[in-house]
mmCIF file of all heavy atoms, coordinates in Angstrom:
data_MODEL
# 
_entry.id   MODEL 
# 
loop_
_atom_site.group_PDB 
_atom_site.id 
_atom_site.type_symbol 
_atom_site.label_atom_id 
_atom_site.label_alt_id 
_atom_site.label_comp_id 
_atom_site.label_asym_id 
_atom_site.label_entity_id 
_atom_site.label_seq_id 
_atom_site.pdbx_PDB_ins_code 
_atom_site.Cartn_x 
_atom_site.Cartn_y 
_atom_site.Cartn_z 
_atom_site.occupancy 
_atom_site.B_iso_or_equiv 
_atom_site.pdbx_formal_charge 
_atom_site.auth_seq_id 
_atom_site.auth_comp_id 
_atom_site.auth_asym_id 
_atom_site.auth_atom_id 
_atom_site.pdbx_PDB_model_num 
ATOM 1   N N   . MET A 1 1  ? 6.138  8.962   16.046  1.00 0.00 ? 1  MET A N   1 
ATOM 2   C CA  . MET A 1 1  ? 4.955  8.121   16.234  1.00 0.00 ? 1  MET A CA  1 
ATOM 3   C C   . MET A 1 1  ? 3.792  8.955   16.721  1.00 0.00 ? 1  MET A C   1 
ATOM 4   O O   . MET A 1 1  ? 2.665  8.789   16.281  1.00 0.00 ? 1  MET A O   1 
ATOM 5   C CB  . MET A 1 1  ? 5.269  7.001   17.231  1.00 0.00 ? 1  MET A CB  1 
ATOM 6   C CG  . MET A 1 1  ? 4.121  6.045   17.450  1.00 0.00 ? 1  MET A CG  1 
ATOM 7   S SD  . MET A 1 1  ? 3.758  5.095   15.971  1.00 0.00 ? 1  MET A SD  1 
ATOM 8   C CE  . MET A 1 1  ? 2.070  4.664   16.259  1.00 0.00 ? 1  MET A CE  1 
ATOM 9   N N   . THR A 1 2  ? 4.072  9.925   17.611  1.00 0.00 ? 2  THR A N   1 
ATOM 10  C CA  . THR A 1 2  ? 2.988  10.743  18.154  1.00 0.00 ? 2  THR A CA  1 
ATOM 11  C C   . THR A 1 2  ? 2.279  11.506  17.053  1.00 0.00 ? 2  THR A C   1 
ATOM 12  O O   . THR A 1 2  ? 1.059  11.579  16.991  1.00 0.00 ? 2  THR A O   1 
ATOM 13  C CB  . THR A 1 2  ? 3.544  11.727  19.197  1.00 0.00 ? 2  THR A CB  1 
ATOM 14  O OG1 . THR A 1 2  ? 4.174  10.977  20.238  1.00 0.00 ? 2  THR A OG1 1 
ATOM 15  C CG2 . THR A 1 2  ? 2.432  12.559  19.794  1.00 0.00 ? 2  THR A CG2 1 
ATOM 16  N N   . GLU A 1 3  ? 3.085  12.072  16.119  1.00 0.00 ? 3  GLU A N   1 
ATOM 17  C CA  . GLU A 1 3  ? 2.497  12.871  15.050  1.00 0.00 ? 3  GLU A CA  1 
ATOM 18  C C   . GLU A 1 3  ? 1.629  12.037  14.132  1.00 0.00 ? 3  GLU A C   1 
ATOM 19  O O   . GLU A 1 3  ? 0.633  12.509  13.592  1.00 0.00 ? 3  GLU A O   1 
ATOM 20  C CB  . GLU A 1 3  ? 3.629  13.530  14.243  1.00 0.00 ? 3  GLU A CB  1 
ATOM 21  C CG  . GLU A 1 3  ? 3.134  14.468  13.153  1.00 0.00 ? 3  GLU A CG  1 
ATOM 22  C CD  . GLU A 1 3  ? 4.265  15.075  12.354  1.00 0.00 ? 3  GLU A CD  1 
ATOM 23  O OE1 . GLU A 1 3  ? 5.437  14.838  12.699  1.00 0.00 ? 3  GLU A OE1 1 
ATOM 24  O OE2 . GLU A 1 3  ? 3.969  15.783  11.370  1.00 0.00 ? 3  GLU A OE2 1 
ATOM 25  N N   . ASP A 1 4  ? 1.994  10.754  13.940  1.00 0.00 ? 4  ASP A N   1 
ATOM 26  C CA  . ASP A 1 4  ? 1.278  9.904   13.007  1.00 0.00 ? 4  ASP A CA  1 
ATOM 27  C C   . ASP A 1 4  ? 0.194  9.059   13.654  1.00 0.00 ? 4  ASP A C   1 
ATOM 28  O O   . ASP A 1 4  ? -0.487 8.305   12.975  1.00 0.00 ? 4  ASP A O   1 
ATOM 29  C CB  . ASP A 1 4  ? 2.271  8.985   12.279  1.00 0.00 ? 4  ASP A CB  1 
ATOM 30  C CG  . ASP A 1 4  ? 2.971  9.694   11.137  1.00 0.00 ? 4  ASP A CG  1 
ATOM 31  O OD1 . ASP A 1 4  ? 2.390  10.642  10.597  1.00 0.00 ? 4  ASP A OD1 1 
ATOM 32  O OD2 . ASP A 1 4  ? 4.097  9.306   10.799  1.00 0.00 ? 4  ASP A OD2 1 
ATOM 33  N N   . ALA A 1 5  ? 0.037  9.125   14.979  1.00 0.00 ? 5  ALA A N   1 
ATOM 34  C CA  . ALA A 1 5  ? -0.962 8.293   15.644  1.00 0.00 ? 5  ALA A CA  1 
ATOM 35  C C   . ALA A 1 5  ? -2.352 8.576   15.089  1.00 0.00 ? 5  ALA A C   1 
ATOM 36  O O   . ALA A 1 5  ? -2.742 9.723   14.888  1.00 0.00 ? 5  ALA A O   1 
ATOM 37  C CB  . ALA A 1 5  ? -0.929 8.532   17.149  1.00 0.00 ? 5  ALA A CB  1 
ATOM 38  N N   . SER A 1 6  ? -3.088 7.506   14.835  1.00 0.00 ? 6  SER A N   1 
ATOM 39  C CA  . SER A 1 6  ? -4.473 7.586   14.351  1.00 0.00 ? 6  SER A CA  1 
ATOM 40  C C   . SER A 1 6  ? -4.589 8.205   12.962  1.00 0.00 ? 6  SER A C   1 
ATOM 41  O O   . SER A 1 6  ? -5.608 8.786   12.610  1.00 0.00 ? 6  SER A O   1 
ATOM 42  C CB  . SER A 1 6  ? -5.360 8.346   15.345  1.00 0.00 ? 6  SER A CB  1 
ATOM 43  O OG  . SER A 1 6  ? -5.382 7.665   16.584  1.00 0.00 ? 6  SER A OG  1 
ATOM 44  N N   . ARG A 1 7  ? -3.545 8.045   12.146  1.00 0.00 ? 7  ARG A N   1 
ATOM 45  C CA  . ARG A 1 7  ? -3.573 8.473   10.753  1.00 0.00 ? 7  ARG A CA  1 
ATOM 46  C C   . ARG A 1 7  ? -3.330 7.259   9.856   1.00 0.00 ? 7  ARG A C   1 
ATOM 47  O O   . ARG A 1 7  ? -2.726 6.277   10.264  1.00 0.00 ? 7  ARG A O   1 
ATOM 48  C CB  . ARG A 1 7  ? -2.475 9.503   10.464  1.00 0.00 ? 7  ARG A CB  1 
ATOM 49  C CG  . ARG A 1 7  ? -2.539 10.777  11.272  1.00 0.00 ? 7  ARG A CG  1 
ATOM 50  C CD  . ARG A 1 7  ? -1.442 11.720  10.839  1.00 0.00 ? 7  ARG A CD  1 
ATOM 51  N NE  . ARG A 1 7  ? -1.680 12.220  9.497   1.00 0.00 ? 7  ARG A NE  1 
ATOM 52  C CZ  . ARG A 1 7  ? -2.276 13.383  9.235   1.00 0.00 ? 7  ARG A CZ  1 
ATOM 53  N NH1 . ARG A 1 7  ? -2.682 14.163  10.213  1.00 0.00 ? 7  ARG A NH1 1 
ATOM 54  N NH2 . ARG A 1 7  ? -2.463 13.761  7.998   1.00 0.00 ? 7  ARG A NH2 1 
ATOM 55  N N   . PHE A 1 8  ? -3.792 7.370   8.608   1.00 0.00 ? 8  PHE A N   1 
ATOM 56  C CA  . PHE A 1 8  ? -3.364 6.387   7.616   1.00 0.00 ? 8  PHE A CA  1 
ATOM 57  C C   . PHE A 1 8  ? -1.880 6.606   7.334   1.00 0.00 ? 8  PHE A C   1 
ATOM 58  O O   . PHE A 1 8  ? -1.458 7.728   7.023   1.00 0.00 ? 8  PHE A O   1 
ATOM 59  C CB  . PHE A 1 8  ? -4.153 6.554   6.317   1.00 0.00 ? 8  PHE A CB  1 
ATOM 60  C CG  . PHE A 1 8  ? -5.547 5.988   6.357   1.00 0.00 ? 8  PHE A CG  1 
ATOM 61  C CD1 . PHE A 1 8  ? -6.640 6.823   6.504   1.00 0.00 ? 8  PHE A CD1 1 
ATOM 62  C CD2 . PHE A 1 8  ? -5.759 4.618   6.221   1.00 0.00 ? 8  PHE A CD2 1 
ATOM 63  C CE1 . PHE A 1 8  ? -7.931 6.309   6.528   1.00 0.00 ? 8  PHE A CE1 1 
ATOM 64  C CE2 . PHE A 1 8  ? -7.049 4.095   6.245   1.00 0.00 ? 8  PHE A CE2 1 
ATOM 65  C CZ  . PHE A 1 8  ? -8.135 4.942   6.397   1.00 0.00 ? 8  PHE A CZ  1 
ATOM 66  N N   . VAL A 1 9  ? -1.089 5.551   7.461   1.00 0.00 ? 9  VAL A N   1 
ATOM 67  C CA  . VAL A 1 9  ? 0.355  5.687   7.266   1.00 0.00 ? 9  VAL A CA  1 
ATOM 68  C C   . VAL A 1 9  ? 0.905  4.731   6.210   1.00 0.00 ? 9  VAL A C   1 
ATOM 69  O O   . VAL A 1 9  ? 2.079  4.827   5.843   1.00 0.00 ? 9  VAL A O   1 
ATOM 70  C CB  . VAL A 1 9  ? 1.122  5.471   8.585   1.00 0.00 ? 9  VAL A CB  1 
ATOM 71  C CG1 . VAL A 1 9  ? 0.809  6.580   9.581   1.00 0.00 ? 9  VAL A CG1 1 
ATOM 72  C CG2 . VAL A 1 9  ? 0.818  4.104   9.192   1.00 0.00 ? 9  VAL A CG2 1 
ATOM 73  N N   . TRP A 1 10 ? 0.092  3.812   5.723   1.00 0.00 ? 10 TRP A N   1 
ATOM 74  C CA  . TRP A 1 10 ? 0.578  2.854   4.734   1.00 0.00 ? 10 TRP A CA  1 
ATOM 75  C C   . TRP A 1 10 ? -0.596 2.269   3.970   1.00 0.00 ? 10 TRP A C   1 
ATOM 76  O O   . TRP A 1 10 ? -1.739 2.284   4.461   1.00 0.00 ? 10 TRP A O   1 
ATOM 77  C CB  . TRP A 1 10 ? 1.381  1.732   5.421   1.00 0.00 ? 10 TRP A CB  1 
ATOM 78  C CG  . TRP A 1 10 ? 2.139  0.824   4.509   1.00 0.00 ? 10 TRP A CG  1 
ATOM 79  C CD1 . TRP A 1 10 ? 1.950  -0.519  4.320   1.00 0.00 ? 10 TRP A CD1 1 
ATOM 80  C CD2 . TRP A 1 10 ? 3.236  1.179   3.664   1.00 0.00 ? 10 TRP A CD2 1 
ATOM 81  N NE1 . TRP A 1 10 ? 2.849  -1.015  3.416   1.00 0.00 ? 10 TRP A NE1 1 
ATOM 82  C CE2 . TRP A 1 10 ? 3.664  0.006   2.994   1.00 0.00 ? 10 TRP A CE2 1 
ATOM 83  C CE3 . TRP A 1 10 ? 3.896  2.382   3.399   1.00 0.00 ? 10 TRP A CE3 1 
ATOM 84  C CZ2 . TRP A 1 10 ? 4.713  -0.009  2.075   1.00 0.00 ? 10 TRP A CZ2 1 
ATOM 85  C CZ3 . TRP A 1 10 ? 4.953  2.378   2.493   1.00 0.00 ? 10 TRP A CZ3 1 
ATOM 86  C CH2 . TRP A 1 10 ? 5.348  1.189   1.847   1.00 0.00 ? 10 TRP A CH2 1 
ATOM 87  N N   . TYR A 1 11 ? -0.312 1.770   2.775   1.00 0.00 ? 11 TYR A N   1 
ATOM 88  C CA  . TYR A 1 11 ? -1.353 1.237   1.890   1.00 0.00 ? 11 TYR A CA  1 
ATOM 89  C C   . TYR A 1 11 ? -0.782 -0.005  1.217   1.00 0.00 ? 11 TYR A C   1 
ATOM 90  O O   . TYR A 1 11 ? 0.407  -0.048  0.879   1.00 0.00 ? 11 TYR A O   1 
ATOM 91  C CB  . TYR A 1 11 ? -1.754 2.283   0.844   1.00 0.00 ? 11 TYR A CB  1 
ATOM 92  C CG  . TYR A 1 11 ? -2.057 3.620   1.470   1.00 0.00 ? 11 TYR A CG  1 
ATOM 93  C CD1 . TYR A 1 11 ? -1.031 4.534   1.706   1.00 0.00 ? 11 TYR A CD1 1 
ATOM 94  C CD2 . TYR A 1 11 ? -3.347 3.947   1.886   1.00 0.00 ? 11 TYR A CD2 1 
ATOM 95  C CE1 . TYR A 1 11 ? -1.287 5.744   2.330   1.00 0.00 ? 11 TYR A CE1 1 
ATOM 96  C CE2 . TYR A 1 11 ? -3.610 5.158   2.510   1.00 0.00 ? 11 TYR A CE2 1 
ATOM 97  C CZ  . TYR A 1 11 ? -2.575 6.051   2.730   1.00 0.00 ? 11 TYR A CZ  1 
ATOM 98  O OH  . TYR A 1 11 ? -2.821 7.242   3.362   1.00 0.00 ? 11 TYR A OH  1 
ATOM 99  N N   . GLU A 1 12 ? -1.636 -1.002  1.002   1.00 0.00 ? 12 GLU A N   1 
ATOM 100 C CA  . GLU A 1 12 ? -1.125 -2.277  0.513   1.00 0.00 ? 12 GLU A CA  1 
ATOM 101 C C   . GLU A 1 12 ? -2.110 -2.888  -0.473  1.00 0.00 ? 12 GLU A C   1 
ATOM 102 O O   . GLU A 1 12 ? -3.322 -2.920  -0.220  1.00 0.00 ? 12 GLU A O   1 
ATOM 103 C CB  . GLU A 1 12 ? -0.935 -3.216  1.711   1.00 0.00 ? 12 GLU A CB  1 
ATOM 104 C CG  . GLU A 1 12 ? -0.116 -4.452  1.444   1.00 0.00 ? 12 GLU A CG  1 
ATOM 105 C CD  . GLU A 1 12 ? 0.217  -5.099  2.781   1.00 0.00 ? 12 GLU A CD  1 
ATOM 106 O OE1 . GLU A 1 12 ? -0.656 -5.825  3.314   1.00 0.00 ? 12 GLU A OE1 1 
ATOM 107 O OE2 . GLU A 1 12 ? 1.315  -4.839  3.304   1.00 0.00 ? 12 GLU A OE2 1 
ATOM 108 N N   . LEU A 1 13 ? -1.577 -3.365  -1.578  1.00 0.00 ? 13 LEU A N   1 
ATOM 109 C CA  . LEU A 1 13 ? -2.374 -4.054  -2.580  1.00 0.00 ? 13 LEU A CA  1 
ATOM 110 C C   . LEU A 1 13 ? -2.105 -5.543  -2.485  1.00 0.00 ? 13 LEU A C   1 
ATOM 111 O O   . LEU A 1 13 ? -0.960 -5.983  -2.615  1.00 0.00 ? 13 LEU A O   1 
ATOM 112 C CB  . LEU A 1 13 ? -2.018 -3.550  -3.979  1.00 0.00 ? 13 LEU A CB  1 
ATOM 113 C CG  . LEU A 1 13 ? -2.663 -4.304  -5.153  1.00 0.00 ? 13 LEU A CG  1 
ATOM 114 C CD1 . LEU A 1 13 ? -4.193 -4.206  -5.104  1.00 0.00 ? 13 LEU A CD1 1 
ATOM 115 C CD2 . LEU A 1 13 ? -2.131 -3.788  -6.489  1.00 0.00 ? 13 LEU A CD2 1 
ATOM 116 N N   . MET A 1 14 ? -3.146 -6.325  -2.249  1.00 0.00 ? 14 MET A N   1 
ATOM 117 C CA  . MET A 1 14 ? -3.068 -7.783  -2.301  1.00 0.00 ? 14 MET A CA  1 
ATOM 118 C C   . MET A 1 14 ? -3.764 -8.226  -3.582  1.00 0.00 ? 14 MET A C   1 
ATOM 119 O O   . MET A 1 14 ? -4.958 -7.932  -3.772  1.00 0.00 ? 14 MET A O   1 
ATOM 120 C CB  . MET A 1 14 ? -3.725 -8.401  -1.066  1.00 0.00 ? 14 MET A CB  1 
ATOM 121 C CG  . MET A 1 14 ? -2.944 -8.157  0.208   1.00 0.00 ? 14 MET A CG  1 
ATOM 122 S SD  . MET A 1 14 ? -3.691 -8.874  1.698   1.00 0.00 ? 14 MET A SD  1 
ATOM 123 C CE  . MET A 1 14 ? -4.986 -7.661  1.997   1.00 0.00 ? 14 MET A CE  1 
ATOM 124 N N   . THR A 1 15 ? -3.034 -8.908  -4.457  1.00 0.00 ? 15 THR A N   1 
ATOM 125 C CA  . THR A 1 15 ? -3.552 -9.158  -5.790  1.00 0.00 ? 15 THR A CA  1 
ATOM 126 C C   . THR A 1 15 ? -3.163 -10.540 -6.294  1.00 0.00 ? 15 THR A C   1 
ATOM 127 O O   . THR A 1 15 ? -2.348 -11.248 -5.685  1.00 0.00 ? 15 THR A O   1 
ATOM 128 C CB  . THR A 1 15 ? -3.056 -8.068  -6.761  1.00 0.00 ? 15 THR A CB  1 
ATOM 129 O OG1 . THR A 1 15 ? -3.693 -8.219  -8.023  1.00 0.00 ? 15 THR A OG1 1 
ATOM 130 C CG2 . THR A 1 15 ? -1.544 -8.132  -6.934  1.00 0.00 ? 15 THR A CG2 1 
ATOM 131 N N   . THR A 1 16 ? -3.721 -10.917 -7.434  1.00 0.00 ? 16 THR A N   1 
ATOM 132 C CA  . THR A 1 16 ? -3.481 -12.235 -8.013  1.00 0.00 ? 16 THR A CA  1 
ATOM 133 C C   . THR A 1 16 ? -2.327 -12.238 -9.006  1.00 0.00 ? 16 THR A C   1 
ATOM 134 O O   . THR A 1 16 ? -1.918 -13.307 -9.465  1.00 0.00 ? 16 THR A O   1 
ATOM 135 C CB  . THR A 1 16 ? -4.751 -12.729 -8.722  1.00 0.00 ? 16 THR A CB  1 
ATOM 136 O OG1 . THR A 1 16 ? -5.215 -11.703 -9.630  1.00 0.00 ? 16 THR A OG1 1 
ATOM 137 C CG2 . THR A 1 16 ? -5.849 -13.035 -7.719  1.00 0.00 ? 16 THR A CG2 1 
ATOM 138 N N   . SER A 1 17 ? -1.795 -11.060 -9.352  1.00 0.00 ? 17 SER A N   1 
ATOM 139 C CA  . SER A 1 17 ? -0.637 -10.992 -10.245 1.00 0.00 ? 17 SER A CA  1 
ATOM 140 C C   . SER A 1 17 ? 0.197  -9.774  -9.879  1.00 0.00 ? 17 SER A C   1 
ATOM 141 O O   . SER A 1 17 ? -0.092 -8.660  -10.326 1.00 0.00 ? 17 SER A O   1 
ATOM 142 C CB  . SER A 1 17 ? -1.057 -10.918 -11.718 1.00 0.00 ? 17 SER A CB  1 
ATOM 143 O OG  . SER A 1 17 ? 0.091  -10.768 -12.546 1.00 0.00 ? 17 SER A OG  1 
ATOM 144 N N   . THR A 1 18 ? 1.224  -9.983  -9.074  1.00 0.00 ? 18 THR A N   1 
ATOM 145 C CA  . THR A 1 18 ? 2.051  -8.855  -8.650  1.00 0.00 ? 18 THR A CA  1 
ATOM 146 C C   . THR A 1 18 ? 2.854  -8.284  -9.822  1.00 0.00 ? 18 THR A C   1 
ATOM 147 O O   . THR A 1 18 ? 3.091  -7.083  -9.884  1.00 0.00 ? 18 THR A O   1 
ATOM 148 C CB  . THR A 1 18 ? 3.002  -9.265  -7.514  1.00 0.00 ? 18 THR A CB  1 
ATOM 149 O OG1 . THR A 1 18 ? 3.766  -10.399 -7.923  1.00 0.00 ? 18 THR A OG1 1 
ATOM 150 C CG2 . THR A 1 18 ? 2.208  -9.621  -6.255  1.00 0.00 ? 18 THR A CG2 1 
ATOM 151 N N   . ASP A 1 19 ? 3.265  -9.141  -10.763 1.00 0.00 ? 19 ASP A N   1 
ATOM 152 C CA  . ASP A 1 19 ? 4.003  -8.632  -11.919 1.00 0.00 ? 19 ASP A CA  1 
ATOM 153 C C   . ASP A 1 19 ? 3.153  -7.675  -12.736 1.00 0.00 ? 19 ASP A C   1 
ATOM 154 O O   . ASP A 1 19 ? 3.607  -6.589  -13.131 1.00 0.00 ? 19 ASP A O   1 
ATOM 155 C CB  . ASP A 1 19 ? 4.470  -9.793  -12.810 1.00 0.00 ? 19 ASP A CB  1 
ATOM 156 C CG  . ASP A 1 19 ? 5.608  -10.592 -12.190 1.00 0.00 ? 19 ASP A CG  1 
ATOM 157 O OD1 . ASP A 1 19 ? 6.288  -10.051 -11.290 1.00 0.00 ? 19 ASP A OD1 1 
ATOM 158 O OD2 . ASP A 1 19 ? 5.811  -11.753 -12.599 1.00 0.00 ? 19 ASP A OD2 1 
ATOM 159 N N   . ALA A 1 20 ? 1.908  -8.051  -12.992 1.00 0.00 ? 20 ALA A N   1 
ATOM 160 C CA  . ALA A 1 20 ? 1.012  -7.186  -13.758 1.00 0.00 ? 20 ALA A CA  1 
ATOM 161 C C   . ALA A 1 20 ? 0.714  -5.899  -12.991 1.00 0.00 ? 20 ALA A C   1 
ATOM 162 O O   . ALA A 1 20 ? 0.633  -4.822  -13.577 1.00 0.00 ? 20 ALA A O   1 
ATOM 163 C CB  . ALA A 1 20 ? -0.287 -7.926  -14.074 1.00 0.00 ? 20 ALA A CB  1 
ATOM 164 N N   . ALA A 1 21 ? 0.553  -5.999  -11.674 1.00 0.00 ? 21 ALA A N   1 
ATOM 165 C CA  . ALA A 1 21 ? 0.268  -4.812  -10.862 1.00 0.00 ? 21 ALA A CA  1 
ATOM 166 C C   . ALA A 1 21 ? 1.435  -3.838  -10.870 1.00 0.00 ? 21 ALA A C   1 
ATOM 167 O O   . ALA A 1 21 ? 1.249  -2.620  -10.920 1.00 0.00 ? 21 ALA A O   1 
ATOM 168 C CB  . ALA A 1 21 ? -0.076 -5.224  -9.434  1.00 0.00 ? 21 ALA A CB  1 
ATOM 169 N N   . ARG A 1 22 ? 2.652  -4.364  -10.815 1.00 0.00 ? 22 ARG A N   1 
ATOM 170 C CA  . ARG A 1 22 ? 3.831  -3.489  -10.883 1.00 0.00 ? 22 ARG A CA  1 
ATOM 171 C C   . ARG A 1 22 ? 3.823  -2.675  -12.170 1.00 0.00 ? 22 ARG A C   1 
ATOM 172 O O   . ARG A 1 22 ? 4.082  -1.466  -12.171 1.00 0.00 ? 22 ARG A O   1 
ATOM 173 C CB  . ARG A 1 22 ? 5.114  -4.325  -10.802 1.00 0.00 ? 22 ARG A CB  1 
ATOM 174 C CG  . ARG A 1 22 ? 5.548  -4.677  -9.398  1.00 0.00 ? 22 ARG A CG  1 
ATOM 175 C CD  . ARG A 1 22 ? 6.981  -5.171  -9.374  1.00 0.00 ? 22 ARG A CD  1 
ATOM 176 N NE  . ARG A 1 22 ? 7.120  -6.457  -10.055 1.00 0.00 ? 22 ARG A NE  1 
ATOM 177 C CZ  . ARG A 1 22 ? 7.070  -7.633  -9.427  1.00 0.00 ? 22 ARG A CZ  1 
ATOM 178 N NH1 . ARG A 1 22 ? 6.879  -7.686  -8.131  1.00 0.00 ? 22 ARG A NH1 1 
ATOM 179 N NH2 . ARG A 1 22 ? 7.214  -8.752  -10.103 1.00 0.00 ? 22 ARG A NH2 1 
ATOM 180 N N   . GLN A 1 23 ? 3.533  -3.341  -13.270 1.00 0.00 ? 23 GLN A N   1 
ATOM 181 C CA  . GLN A 1 23 ? 3.530  -2.656  -14.560 1.00 0.00 ? 23 GLN A CA  1 
ATOM 182 C C   . GLN A 1 23 ? 2.392  -1.641  -14.644 1.00 0.00 ? 23 GLN A C   1 
ATOM 183 O O   . GLN A 1 23 ? 2.580  -0.512  -15.103 1.00 0.00 ? 23 GLN A O   1 
ATOM 184 C CB  . GLN A 1 23 ? 3.417  -3.680  -15.683 1.00 0.00 ? 23 GLN A CB  1 
ATOM 185 C CG  . GLN A 1 23 ? 4.617  -4.613  -15.794 1.00 0.00 ? 23 GLN A CG  1 
ATOM 186 C CD  . GLN A 1 23 ? 4.433  -5.669  -16.873 1.00 0.00 ? 23 GLN A CD  1 
ATOM 187 O OE1 . GLN A 1 23 ? 3.629  -5.506  -17.786 1.00 0.00 ? 23 GLN A OE1 1 
ATOM 188 N NE2 . GLN A 1 23 ? 5.170  -6.768  -16.768 1.00 0.00 ? 23 GLN A NE2 1 
ATOM 189 N N   . PHE A 1 24 ? 1.202  -2.041  -14.182 1.00 0.00 ? 24 PHE A N   1 
ATOM 190 C CA  . PHE A 1 24 ? 0.032  -1.175  -14.306 1.00 0.00 ? 24 PHE A CA  1 
ATOM 191 C C   . PHE A 1 24 ? 0.202  0.094   -13.482 1.00 0.00 ? 24 PHE A C   1 
ATOM 192 O O   . PHE A 1 24 ? 0.070  1.212   -14.002 1.00 0.00 ? 24 PHE A O   1 
ATOM 193 C CB  . PHE A 1 24 ? -1.221 -1.931  -13.865 1.00 0.00 ? 24 PHE A CB  1 
ATOM 194 C CG  . PHE A 1 24 ? -2.480 -1.107  -13.917 1.00 0.00 ? 24 PHE A CG  1 
ATOM 195 C CD1 . PHE A 1 24 ? -3.119 -0.861  -15.118 1.00 0.00 ? 24 PHE A CD1 1 
ATOM 196 C CD2 . PHE A 1 24 ? -3.028 -0.574  -12.755 1.00 0.00 ? 24 PHE A CD2 1 
ATOM 197 C CE1 . PHE A 1 24 ? -4.277 -0.092  -15.170 1.00 0.00 ? 24 PHE A CE1 1 
ATOM 198 C CE2 . PHE A 1 24 ? -4.183 0.192   -12.797 1.00 0.00 ? 24 PHE A CE2 1 
ATOM 199 C CZ  . PHE A 1 24 ? -4.810 0.432   -14.009 1.00 0.00 ? 24 PHE A CZ  1 
ATOM 200 N N   . TYR A 1 25 ? 0.497  -0.036  -12.197 1.00 0.00 ? 25 TYR A N   1 
ATOM 201 C CA  . TYR A 1 25 ? 0.583  1.149   -11.346 1.00 0.00 ? 25 TYR A CA  1 
ATOM 202 C C   . TYR A 1 25 ? 1.859  1.952   -11.620 1.00 0.00 ? 25 TYR A C   1 
ATOM 203 O O   . TYR A 1 25 ? 1.874  3.171   -11.439 1.00 0.00 ? 25 TYR A O   1 
ATOM 204 C CB  . TYR A 1 25 ? 0.484  0.755   -9.871  1.00 0.00 ? 25 TYR A CB  1 
ATOM 205 C CG  . TYR A 1 25 ? -0.913 0.310   -9.491  1.00 0.00 ? 25 TYR A CG  1 
ATOM 206 C CD1 . TYR A 1 25 ? -1.236 -1.046  -9.397  1.00 0.00 ? 25 TYR A CD1 1 
ATOM 207 C CD2 . TYR A 1 25 ? -1.918 1.238   -9.251  1.00 0.00 ? 25 TYR A CD2 1 
ATOM 208 C CE1 . TYR A 1 25 ? -2.517 -1.455  -9.071  1.00 0.00 ? 25 TYR A CE1 1 
ATOM 209 C CE2 . TYR A 1 25 ? -3.206 0.838   -8.922  1.00 0.00 ? 25 TYR A CE2 1 
ATOM 210 C CZ  . TYR A 1 25 ? -3.505 -0.512  -8.837  1.00 0.00 ? 25 TYR A CZ  1 
ATOM 211 O OH  . TYR A 1 25 ? -4.794 -0.914  -8.513  1.00 0.00 ? 25 TYR A OH  1 
# 
């Protein structure tokens, strides 16, 4: 936790079609 403090550690897509997003990305 100390090493990762104040860093970007995760990313999240909120979308209207998760099935389409899975295929696209």
